[in-house]
Amino acid sequence: MNVQEAGDAARYHHTGDSEPTGYVMTDGGELYLERGVCENVANNLRERGHIVKRGGDFGGYQAILFDSENSVYHAASEMRKDGQAQAY
């Protein structure tokens, strides 16, 4: 994927992980999927025992990637939020 495709790809977020603060996960947590993850994938995850939910806040993203081989900057901006990426 290029830098824009990577930012636009459907995301997931897992909650309820064990933490270094001492919290220990006991129920497997919950897996939140964006709309872009097809229902077949969601169903397959459920069949494997995951607690799957839809939606959630998946953050924001602007990125600038420098291609040193071609000395070119590539910029990408999040489709989920307002913003822009600029490079010169």
C-alpha atoms as a PDB file:
ATOM      1  CA  MET A   1       0.000   0.000   0.000  1.00  0.00           C
ATOM      2  CA  ASN A   2       1.101   3.540  -0.539  1.00  0.00           C
ATOM      3  CA  VAL A   3       0.875   6.034   2.323  1.00  0.00           C
ATOM      4  CA  GLN A   4      -2.688   7.142   1.412  1.00  0.00           C
ATOM      5  CA  GLU A   5      -3.995   3.592   0.941  1.00  0.00           C
ATOM      6  CA  ALA A   6      -2.546   2.585   4.311  1.00  0.00           C
ATOM      7  CA  GLY A   7      -4.339   5.447   6.052  1.00  0.00           C
ATOM      8  CA  ASP A   8      -7.623   4.708   4.278  1.00  0.00           C
ATOM      9  CA  ALA A   9      -7.581   0.971   5.033  1.00  0.00           C
ATOM     10  CA  ALA A  10     -10.262  -0.336   7.383  1.00  0.00           C
ATOM     11  CA  ARG A  11      -9.117  -0.378  10.997  1.00  0.00           C
ATOM     12  CA  TYR A  12      -9.763  -2.434  14.076  1.00  0.00           C
ATOM     13  CA  HIS A  13      -9.264  -1.773  17.784  1.00  0.00           C
ATOM     14  CA  HIS A  14      -9.023  -4.305  20.625  1.00  0.00           C
ATOM     15  CA  THR A  15     -10.009  -3.304  24.161  1.00  0.00           C
ATOM     16  CA  GLY A  16      -9.556  -5.103  27.452  1.00  0.00           C
ATOM     17  CA  ASP A  17      -5.914  -6.160  26.993  1.00  0.00           C
ATOM     18  CA  SER A  18      -3.713  -7.066  29.919  1.00  0.00           C
ATOM     19  CA  GLU A  19      -1.711  -3.979  30.895  1.00  0.00           C
ATOM     20  CA  PRO A  20       1.739  -3.370  32.393  1.00  0.00           C
ATOM     21  CA  THR A  21      -0.062  -1.560  35.246  1.00  0.00           C
ATOM     22  CA  GLY A  22      -1.180  -4.942  36.578  1.00  0.00           C
ATOM     23  CA  TYR A  23      -4.619  -5.243  34.963  1.00  0.00           C
ATOM     24  CA  VAL A  24      -5.044  -8.788  33.657  1.00  0.00           C
ATOM     25  CA  MET A  25      -7.500  -9.535  30.841  1.00  0.00           C
ATOM     26  CA  THR A  26      -9.904 -12.282  31.888  1.00  0.00           C
ATOM     27  CA  ASP A  27     -12.647 -12.234  29.235  1.00  0.00           C
ATOM     28  CA  GLY A  28     -10.813 -11.901  25.918  1.00  0.00           C
ATOM     29  CA  GLY A  29     -11.733  -8.253  25.513  1.00  0.00           C
ATOM     30  CA  GLU A  30     -13.690  -6.785  22.618  1.00  0.00           C
ATOM     31  CA  LEU A  31     -12.687  -6.261  19.004  1.00  0.00           C
ATOM     32  CA  TYR A  32     -14.134  -3.176  17.288  1.00  0.00           C
ATOM     33  CA  LEU A  33     -14.190  -3.169  13.475  1.00  0.00           C
ATOM     34  CA  GLU A  34     -14.777  -0.309  11.055  1.00  0.00           C
ATOM     35  CA  ARG A  35     -17.437  -0.551   8.353  1.00  0.00           C
ATOM     36  CA  GLY A  36     -14.784  -1.369   5.746  1.00  0.00           C
ATOM     37  CA  VAL A  37     -14.183  -4.799   7.296  1.00  0.00           C
ATOM     38  CA  CYS A  38     -16.569  -7.152   5.489  1.00  0.00           C
ATOM     39  CA  GLU A  39     -19.160  -9.172   7.392  1.00  0.00           C
ATOM     40  CA  ASN A  40     -17.531 -12.454   6.341  1.00  0.00           C
ATOM     41  CA  VAL A  41     -14.358 -11.459   8.189  1.00  0.00           C
ATOM     42  CA  ALA A  42     -16.379 -10.343  11.236  1.00  0.00           C
ATOM     43  CA  ASN A  43     -18.269 -13.650  11.262  1.00  0.00           C
ATOM     44  CA  ASN A  44     -15.041 -15.629  10.945  1.00  0.00           C
ATOM     45  CA  LEU A  45     -13.621 -13.774  13.952  1.00  0.00           C
ATOM     46  CA  ARG A  46     -16.798 -14.492  15.938  1.00  0.00           C
ATOM     47  CA  GLU A  47     -16.526 -18.186  15.030  1.00  0.00           C
ATOM     48  CA  ARG A  48     -12.997 -18.124  16.476  1.00  0.00           C
ATOM     49  CA  GLY A  49     -14.375 -16.835  19.777  1.00  0.00           C
ATOM     50  CA  HIS A  50     -13.818 -13.084  19.451  1.00  0.00           C
ATOM     51  CA  ILE A  51     -16.367 -10.610  20.787  1.00  0.00           C
ATOM     52  CA  VAL A  52     -16.841  -8.436  17.683  1.00  0.00           C
ATOM     53  CA  LYS A  53     -18.485  -5.025  17.663  1.00  0.00           C
ATOM     54  CA  ARG A  54     -18.831  -2.377  14.979  1.00  0.00           C
ATOM     55  CA  GLY A  55     -17.793   1.250  15.244  1.00  0.00           C
ATOM     56  CA  GLY A  56     -15.648   3.247  17.585  1.00  0.00           C
ATOM     57  CA  ASP A  57     -13.216   6.136  17.347  1.00  0.00           C
ATOM     58  CA  PHE A  58     -10.306   5.075  15.194  1.00  0.00           C
ATOM     59  CA  GLY A  59      -8.247   8.248  15.452  1.00  0.00           C
ATOM     60  CA  GLY A  60      -6.874  10.722  12.971  1.00  0.00           C
ATOM     61  CA  TYR A  61      -3.950  10.581  10.593  1.00  0.00           C
ATOM     62  CA  GLN A  62      -1.776  12.814   8.451  1.00  0.00           C
ATOM     63  CA  ALA A  63       1.509  11.492   7.153  1.00  0.00           C
ATOM     64  CA  ILE A  64       4.482  12.491   5.066  1.00  0.00           C
ATOM     65  CA  LEU A  65       6.723   9.793   3.629  1.00  0.00           C
ATOM     66  CA  PHE A  66      10.104  10.616   2.108  1.00  0.00           C
ATOM     67  CA  ASP A  67      11.114   8.302  -0.736  1.00  0.00           C
ATOM     68  CA  SER A  68      14.914   8.549  -0.549  1.00  0.00           C
ATOM     69  CA  GLU A  69      15.412   6.453  -3.678  1.00  0.00           C
ATOM     70  CA  ASN A  70      13.554   9.018  -5.819  1.00  0.00           C
ATOM     71  CA  SER A  71      13.988  12.074  -3.542  1.00  0.00           C
ATOM     72  CA  VAL A  72      10.224  12.615  -3.462  1.00  0.00           C
ATOM     73  CA  TYR A  73       7.797  13.326  -0.629  1.00  0.00           C
ATOM     74  CA  HIS A  74       4.404  11.598  -0.527  1.00  0.00           C
ATOM     75  CA  ALA A  75       1.680  13.078   1.671  1.00  0.00           C
ATOM     76  CA  ALA A  76      -1.606  11.581   2.857  1.00  0.00           C
ATOM     77  CA  SER A  77      -4.522  12.863   4.882  1.00  0.00           C
ATOM     78  CA  GLU A  78      -7.092  11.028   6.950  1.00  0.00           C
ATOM     79  CA  MET A  79     -10.459  10.451   5.283  1.00  0.00           C
ATOM     80  CA  ARG A  80     -12.066  10.071   8.732  1.00  0.00           C
ATOM     81  CA  LYS A  81     -11.208  13.573  10.000  1.00  0.00           C
ATOM     82  CA  ASP A  82     -10.528  17.074   8.759  1.00  0.00           C
ATOM     83  CA  GLY A  83      -6.934  17.951   8.033  1.00  0.00           C
ATOM     84  CA  GLN A  84      -4.197  17.937   5.468  1.00  0.00           C
ATOM     85  CA  ALA A  85      -0.601  16.882   5.046  1.00  0.00           C
ATOM     86  CA  GLN A  86       1.860  19.198   3.356  1.00  0.00           C
ATOM     87  CA  ALA A  87       5.493  18.765   2.373  1.00  0.00           C
ATOM     88  CA  TYR A  88       7.928  20.785   0.321  1.00  0.00           C
END
